[in-house]
Amino acid sequence: MFASLETRDMNNSQKFDDNLQELARFARVISHPARLAILQYLAETKTCISGDITDFIPLSRTTVSQHLKELRDLGLIHGEIEGLKINYCLCNTELAKYKKMFSDFFTDIGTAEISCNC
């Protein structure tokens, strides 16, 4: 889980294994309510959205574009240019991968033998 002490000069996040780093990147991307709303909207429509997604998300185009970029960069959505419009779709393969990673992570720490009165 933890990298060796030889990595002292590295960025702090680089001291952890790849799985934890990837899980942290995912958590950072989905930590904003606008990004969650975009994912939720795309899931609820059950289709690719063509055109301006700001018609459905109550934020400016610039702000929505920044959030879409974060989601695209992680691979959670795809945006394909079609003429003057962009078709946005969920990437179910990536979503399933991160869902499993989170499930495995919380299963592992949830089964630790801890006696706590919380």
N, C-alpha and C. Protein backbone atom coordinates (compact mmCIF):
# COMPACT_ATOMS: atom_id res chain seq x y z
N MET A 1 0.82 -1.18 0.00
CA MET A 1 0.00 0.00 0.00
C MET A 1 0.87 1.25 0.00
N PHE A 2 1.80 1.37 0.92
CA PHE A 2 2.64 2.56 1.00
C PHE A 2 3.92 2.34 0.23
N ALA A 3 4.39 3.37 -0.42
CA ALA A 3 5.63 3.30 -1.17
C ALA A 3 6.81 3.34 -0.19
N SER A 4 7.97 3.02 -0.70
CA SER A 4 9.15 3.00 0.16
C SER A 4 9.55 4.42 0.58
N LEU A 5 10.44 4.50 1.57
CA LEU A 5 10.91 5.79 2.05
C LEU A 5 11.81 6.49 1.04
N GLU A 6 12.23 5.78 0.00
CA GLU A 6 13.08 6.37 -1.03
C GLU A 6 12.36 7.46 -1.80
N THR A 7 11.07 7.55 -1.65
CA THR A 7 10.27 8.51 -2.42
C THR A 7 10.06 9.82 -1.67
N ARG A 8 10.86 10.11 -0.68
CA ARG A 8 10.69 11.32 0.14
C ARG A 8 10.64 12.60 -0.68
N ASP A 9 11.39 12.67 -1.75
CA ASP A 9 11.46 13.88 -2.54
C ASP A 9 10.30 13.99 -3.53
N MET A 10 9.47 13.02 -3.63
CA MET A 10 8.35 13.04 -4.55
C MET A 10 7.18 13.81 -3.97
N ASN A 11 6.27 14.17 -4.83
CA ASN A 11 5.01 14.76 -4.40
C ASN A 11 4.36 13.80 -3.40
N ASN A 12 3.72 14.33 -2.37
CA ASN A 12 3.14 13.48 -1.33
C ASN A 12 2.19 12.43 -1.88
N SER A 13 1.35 12.78 -2.85
CA SER A 13 0.40 11.79 -3.39
C SER A 13 1.11 10.65 -4.11
N GLN A 14 2.31 10.92 -4.62
CA GLN A 14 3.05 9.88 -5.32
C GLN A 14 3.66 8.84 -4.39
N LYS A 15 3.55 9.06 -3.11
CA LYS A 15 4.07 8.11 -2.13
C LYS A 15 3.12 6.93 -1.93
N PHE A 16 1.95 7.01 -2.49
CA PHE A 16 0.95 5.96 -2.31
C PHE A 16 0.82 5.13 -3.57
N ASP A 17 0.32 3.93 -3.43
CA ASP A 17 0.25 3.05 -4.59
C ASP A 17 -0.71 3.59 -5.65
N ASP A 18 -0.57 3.06 -6.85
CA ASP A 18 -1.35 3.54 -7.99
C ASP A 18 -2.85 3.45 -7.77
N ASN A 19 -3.30 2.39 -7.11
CA ASN A 19 -4.72 2.20 -6.87
C ASN A 19 -5.29 3.32 -6.00
N LEU A 20 -4.58 3.67 -4.93
CA LEU A 20 -5.04 4.75 -4.06
C LEU A 20 -4.99 6.10 -4.78
N GLN A 21 -3.98 6.31 -5.60
CA GLN A 21 -3.90 7.55 -6.35
C GLN A 21 -5.05 7.68 -7.34
N GLU A 22 -5.37 6.60 -8.01
CA GLU A 22 -6.48 6.62 -8.97
C GLU A 22 -7.81 6.83 -8.26
N LEU A 23 -8.00 6.18 -7.15
CA LEU A 23 -9.22 6.36 -6.36
C LEU A 23 -9.34 7.80 -5.87
N ALA A 24 -8.24 8.41 -5.48
CA ALA A 24 -8.24 9.81 -5.04
C ALA A 24 -8.56 10.76 -6.20
N ARG A 25 -8.03 10.48 -7.39
CA ARG A 25 -8.35 11.31 -8.56
C ARG A 25 -9.84 11.25 -8.85
N PHE A 26 -10.39 10.05 -8.80
CA PHE A 26 -11.83 9.88 -9.03
C PHE A 26 -12.64 10.65 -7.99
N ALA A 27 -12.25 10.52 -6.73
CA ALA A 27 -12.97 11.22 -5.66
C ALA A 27 -12.90 12.73 -5.85
N ARG A 28 -11.75 13.24 -6.27
CA ARG A 28 -11.62 14.67 -6.51
C ARG A 28 -12.54 15.14 -7.62
N VAL A 29 -12.60 14.37 -8.70
CA VAL A 29 -13.43 14.77 -9.84
C VAL A 29 -14.92 14.75 -9.47
N ILE A 30 -15.36 13.74 -8.74
CA ILE A 30 -16.79 13.68 -8.42
C ILE A 30 -17.15 14.47 -7.17
N SER A 31 -16.19 15.16 -6.58
CA SER A 31 -16.46 15.88 -5.33
C SER A 31 -17.24 17.18 -5.53
N HIS A 32 -17.46 17.58 -6.76
CA HIS A 32 -18.19 18.83 -7.01
C HIS A 32 -19.65 18.50 -7.38
N PRO A 33 -20.61 19.18 -6.74
CA PRO A 33 -22.03 18.88 -7.02
C PRO A 33 -22.42 19.10 -8.47
N ALA A 34 -21.78 20.04 -9.17
CA ALA A 34 -22.11 20.24 -10.58
C ALA A 34 -21.74 19.02 -11.42
N ARG A 35 -20.60 18.42 -11.10
CA ARG A 35 -20.18 17.23 -11.84
C ARG A 35 -21.10 16.06 -11.54
N LEU A 36 -21.52 15.95 -10.29
CA LEU A 36 -22.48 14.91 -9.94
C LEU A 36 -23.79 15.14 -10.67
N ALA A 37 -24.22 16.39 -10.77
CA ALA A 37 -25.47 16.71 -11.47
C ALA A 37 -25.37 16.36 -12.94
N ILE A 38 -24.21 16.63 -13.55
CA ILE A 38 -24.01 16.28 -14.96
C ILE A 38 -24.09 14.77 -15.15
N LEU A 39 -23.39 14.02 -14.30
CA LEU A 39 -23.44 12.56 -14.39
C LEU A 39 -24.86 12.05 -14.19
N GLN A 40 -25.53 12.60 -13.21
CA GLN A 40 -26.91 12.19 -12.91
C GLN A 40 -27.83 12.50 -14.09
N TYR A 41 -27.68 13.67 -14.67
CA TYR A 41 -28.51 14.05 -15.81
C TYR A 41 -28.28 13.11 -16.99
N LEU A 42 -27.02 12.84 -17.30
CA LEU A 42 -26.71 11.94 -18.41
C LEU A 42 -27.27 10.54 -18.16
N ALA A 43 -27.22 10.09 -16.91
CA ALA A 43 -27.75 8.77 -16.57
C ALA A 43 -29.27 8.75 -16.69
N GLU A 44 -29.93 9.82 -16.24
CA GLU A 44 -31.40 9.88 -16.27
C GLU A 44 -31.94 9.97 -17.69
N THR A 45 -31.22 10.62 -18.59
CA THR A 45 -31.70 10.76 -19.96
C THR A 45 -31.55 9.46 -20.75
N LYS A 46 -30.69 8.58 -20.27
CA LYS A 46 -30.46 7.27 -20.90
C LYS A 46 -30.10 7.37 -22.38
N THR A 47 -29.48 8.49 -22.74
CA THR A 47 -29.05 8.69 -24.11
C THR A 47 -27.92 9.71 -24.12
N CYS A 48 -27.29 9.85 -25.26
CA CYS A 48 -26.28 10.90 -25.40
C CYS A 48 -26.98 12.24 -25.58
N ILE A 49 -26.41 13.26 -25.02
CA ILE A 49 -26.97 14.60 -25.11
C ILE A 49 -26.25 15.35 -26.22
N SER A 50 -27.00 15.84 -27.15
CA SER A 50 -26.42 16.60 -28.25
C SER A 50 -26.69 18.08 -28.01
N GLY A 51 -25.64 18.87 -28.16
CA GLY A 51 -25.83 20.31 -28.03
C GLY A 51 -25.40 20.84 -26.70
N ASP A 52 -26.07 21.90 -26.29
CA ASP A 52 -25.67 22.66 -25.12
C ASP A 52 -26.26 22.07 -23.84
N ILE A 53 -25.41 21.47 -23.04
CA ILE A 53 -25.85 20.84 -21.79
C ILE A 53 -26.25 21.88 -20.75
N THR A 54 -25.86 23.14 -20.99
CA THR A 54 -26.22 24.20 -20.04
C THR A 54 -27.72 24.46 -20.03
N ASP A 55 -28.45 23.93 -21.01
CA ASP A 55 -29.91 24.03 -20.98
C ASP A 55 -30.47 23.22 -19.82
N PHE A 56 -29.69 22.27 -19.32
CA PHE A 56 -30.16 21.35 -18.29
C PHE A 56 -29.45 21.53 -16.96
N ILE A 57 -28.30 22.18 -16.96
CA ILE A 57 -27.51 22.41 -15.75
C ILE A 57 -27.50 23.92 -15.49
N PRO A 58 -27.92 24.38 -14.32
CA PRO A 58 -28.09 25.82 -14.06
C PRO A 58 -26.78 26.58 -13.79
N LEU A 59 -25.85 26.47 -14.73
CA LEU A 59 -24.56 27.17 -14.62
C LEU A 59 -24.20 27.75 -15.97
N SER A 60 -23.25 28.66 -15.99
CA SER A 60 -22.82 29.26 -17.26
C SER A 60 -22.13 28.22 -18.15
N ARG A 61 -22.08 28.53 -19.43
CA ARG A 61 -21.44 27.61 -20.38
C ARG A 61 -19.97 27.37 -20.03
N THR A 62 -19.29 28.43 -19.65
CA THR A 62 -17.87 28.31 -19.30
C THR A 62 -17.69 27.37 -18.11
N THR A 63 -18.51 27.55 -17.09
CA THR A 63 -18.40 26.71 -15.90
C THR A 63 -18.74 25.26 -16.23
N VAL A 64 -19.81 25.05 -16.98
CA VAL A 64 -20.18 23.68 -17.36
C VAL A 64 -19.08 23.06 -18.20
N SER A 65 -18.50 23.83 -19.10
CA SER A 65 -17.42 23.30 -19.95
C SER A 65 -16.23 22.84 -19.10
N GLN A 66 -15.90 23.59 -18.07
CA GLN A 66 -14.80 23.20 -17.19
C GLN A 66 -15.12 21.89 -16.47
N HIS A 67 -16.36 21.75 -16.02
CA HIS A 67 -16.76 20.51 -15.34
C HIS A 67 -16.79 19.33 -16.31
N LEU A 68 -17.27 19.57 -17.52
CA LEU A 68 -17.29 18.51 -18.53
C LEU A 68 -15.86 18.06 -18.85
N LYS A 69 -14.93 19.00 -18.90
CA LYS A 69 -13.53 18.65 -19.17
C LYS A 69 -12.98 17.74 -18.09
N GLU A 70 -13.26 18.05 -16.83
CA GLU A 70 -12.80 17.19 -15.72
C GLU A 70 -13.36 15.78 -15.86
N LEU A 71 -14.64 15.68 -16.18
CA LEU A 71 -15.28 14.37 -16.33
C LEU A 71 -14.71 13.63 -17.54
N ARG A 72 -14.47 14.35 -18.64
CA ARG A 72 -13.89 13.73 -19.85
C ARG A 72 -12.46 13.27 -19.58
N ASP A 73 -11.67 14.12 -18.93
CA ASP A 73 -10.27 13.77 -18.67
C ASP A 73 -10.13 12.49 -17.86
N LEU A 74 -11.06 12.25 -16.97
CA LEU A 74 -11.03 11.02 -16.18
C LEU A 74 -11.64 9.84 -16.94
N GLY A 75 -12.35 10.13 -18.02
CA GLY A 75 -12.94 9.07 -18.83
C GLY A 75 -14.36 8.70 -18.42
N LEU A 76 -14.97 9.48 -17.54
CA LEU A 76 -16.33 9.16 -17.09
C LEU A 76 -17.38 9.50 -18.14
N ILE A 77 -17.06 10.45 -19.02
CA ILE A 77 -17.95 10.78 -20.12
C ILE A 77 -17.12 10.90 -21.39
N HIS A 78 -17.81 10.80 -22.51
CA HIS A 78 -17.20 11.03 -23.82
C HIS A 78 -17.91 12.21 -24.44
N GLY A 79 -17.17 13.04 -25.12
CA GLY A 79 -17.75 14.15 -25.85
C GLY A 79 -17.25 14.09 -27.27
N GLU A 80 -18.15 13.76 -28.20
CA GLU A 80 -17.77 13.65 -29.60
C GLU A 80 -18.35 14.82 -30.37
N ILE A 81 -17.50 15.48 -31.13
CA ILE A 81 -17.93 16.63 -31.92
C ILE A 81 -18.68 16.13 -33.15
N GLU A 82 -19.85 16.71 -33.35
CA GLU A 82 -20.66 16.38 -34.52
C GLU A 82 -21.16 17.70 -35.09
N GLY A 83 -20.44 18.21 -36.08
CA GLY A 83 -20.77 19.52 -36.62
C GLY A 83 -20.45 20.60 -35.60
N LEU A 84 -21.45 21.43 -35.28
CA LEU A 84 -21.27 22.49 -34.30
C LEU A 84 -21.66 22.05 -32.90
N LYS A 85 -22.10 20.82 -32.75
CA LYS A 85 -22.55 20.32 -31.45
C LYS A 85 -21.62 19.23 -30.95
N ILE A 86 -21.70 18.99 -29.65
CA ILE A 86 -20.95 17.90 -29.04
C ILE A 86 -21.94 16.94 -28.41
N ASN A 87 -21.78 15.67 -28.68
CA ASN A 87 -22.61 14.63 -28.07
C ASN A 87 -21.90 14.13 -26.82
N TYR A 88 -22.58 14.24 -25.68
CA TYR A 88 -22.01 13.78 -24.41
C TYR A 88 -22.68 12.49 -23.99
N CYS A 89 -21.87 11.50 -23.64
CA CYS A 89 -22.37 10.21 -23.20
C CYS A 89 -21.59 9.74 -21.98
N LEU A 90 -22.26 8.96 -21.14
CA LEU A 90 -21.58 8.32 -20.02
C LEU A 90 -20.70 7.20 -20.55
N CYS A 91 -19.59 6.97 -19.92
CA CYS A 91 -18.75 5.82 -20.25
C CYS A 91 -18.99 4.78 -19.16
N ASN A 92 -19.90 3.87 -19.42
CA ASN A 92 -20.30 2.89 -18.42
C ASN A 92 -19.16 1.98 -17.98
N THR A 93 -18.23 1.72 -18.87
CA THR A 93 -17.09 0.87 -18.51
C THR A 93 -16.25 1.53 -17.42
N GLU A 94 -15.95 2.81 -17.59
CA GLU A 94 -15.17 3.53 -16.58
C GLU A 94 -15.96 3.70 -15.29
N LEU A 95 -17.24 4.01 -15.40
CA LEU A 95 -18.07 4.15 -14.21
C LEU A 95 -18.09 2.84 -13.42
N ALA A 96 -18.22 1.73 -14.11
CA ALA A 96 -18.24 0.42 -13.44
C ALA A 96 -16.90 0.14 -12.76
N LYS A 97 -15.80 0.54 -13.43
CA LYS A 97 -14.47 0.33 -12.85
C LYS A 97 -14.33 1.09 -11.53
N TYR A 98 -14.73 2.36 -11.53
CA TYR A 98 -14.60 3.18 -10.31
C TYR A 98 -15.59 2.73 -9.23
N LYS A 99 -16.74 2.31 -9.64
CA LYS A 99 -17.72 1.79 -8.67
C LYS A 99 -17.15 0.57 -7.95
N LYS A 100 -16.51 -0.31 -8.71
CA LYS A 100 -15.90 -1.50 -8.11
C LYS A 100 -14.74 -1.11 -7.21
N MET A 101 -13.92 -0.16 -7.65
CA MET A 101 -12.78 0.27 -6.83
C MET A 101 -13.26 0.83 -5.49
N PHE A 102 -14.30 1.67 -5.52
CA PHE A 102 -14.83 2.24 -4.29
C PHE A 102 -15.45 1.16 -3.42
N SER A 103 -16.19 0.27 -4.04
CA SER A 103 -16.82 -0.82 -3.29
C SER A 103 -15.77 -1.68 -2.61
N ASP A 104 -14.72 -2.06 -3.35
CA ASP A 104 -13.65 -2.88 -2.79
C ASP A 104 -12.95 -2.14 -1.65
N PHE A 105 -12.68 -0.85 -1.85
CA PHE A 105 -12.00 -0.07 -0.84
C PHE A 105 -12.82 -0.04 0.46
N PHE A 106 -14.10 0.28 0.36
CA PHE A 106 -14.91 0.38 1.56
C PHE A 106 -15.26 -0.98 2.16
N THR A 107 -15.28 -2.01 1.34
CA THR A 107 -15.47 -3.36 1.88
C THR A 107 -14.25 -3.75 2.72
N ASP A 108 -13.07 -3.45 2.18
CA ASP A 108 -11.84 -3.78 2.90
C ASP A 108 -11.75 -3.05 4.24
N ILE A 109 -12.02 -1.73 4.23
CA ILE A 109 -11.88 -1.02 5.51
C ILE A 109 -13.09 -1.23 6.41
N GLY A 110 -14.22 -1.60 5.82
CA GLY A 110 -15.43 -1.83 6.61
C GLY A 110 -15.42 -3.14 7.35
N THR A 111 -14.54 -4.06 6.92
CA THR A 111 -14.47 -5.35 7.59
C THR A 111 -13.30 -5.45 8.57
N ALA A 112 -12.61 -4.32 8.74
CA ALA A 112 -11.49 -4.32 9.71
C ALA A 112 -12.07 -4.55 11.10
N GLU A 113 -11.34 -5.31 11.88
CA GLU A 113 -11.81 -5.62 13.22
C GLU A 113 -11.48 -4.45 14.14
N ILE A 114 -12.47 -3.63 14.35
CA ILE A 114 -12.32 -2.43 15.15
C ILE A 114 -13.41 -2.44 16.22
N SER A 115 -13.05 -2.13 17.44
CA SER A 115 -14.08 -1.98 18.43
C SER A 115 -14.18 -0.51 18.77
N CYS A 116 -15.23 0.10 18.26
CA CYS A 116 -15.41 1.55 18.42
C CYS A 116 -16.86 1.78 18.84
N ASN A 117 -17.06 2.72 19.69
CA ASN A 117 -18.42 3.01 20.16
C ASN A 117 -19.02 4.18 19.41
N CYS A 118 -18.94 4.17 18.11
CA CYS A 118 -19.51 5.30 17.35
C CYS A 118 -20.79 4.91 16.66
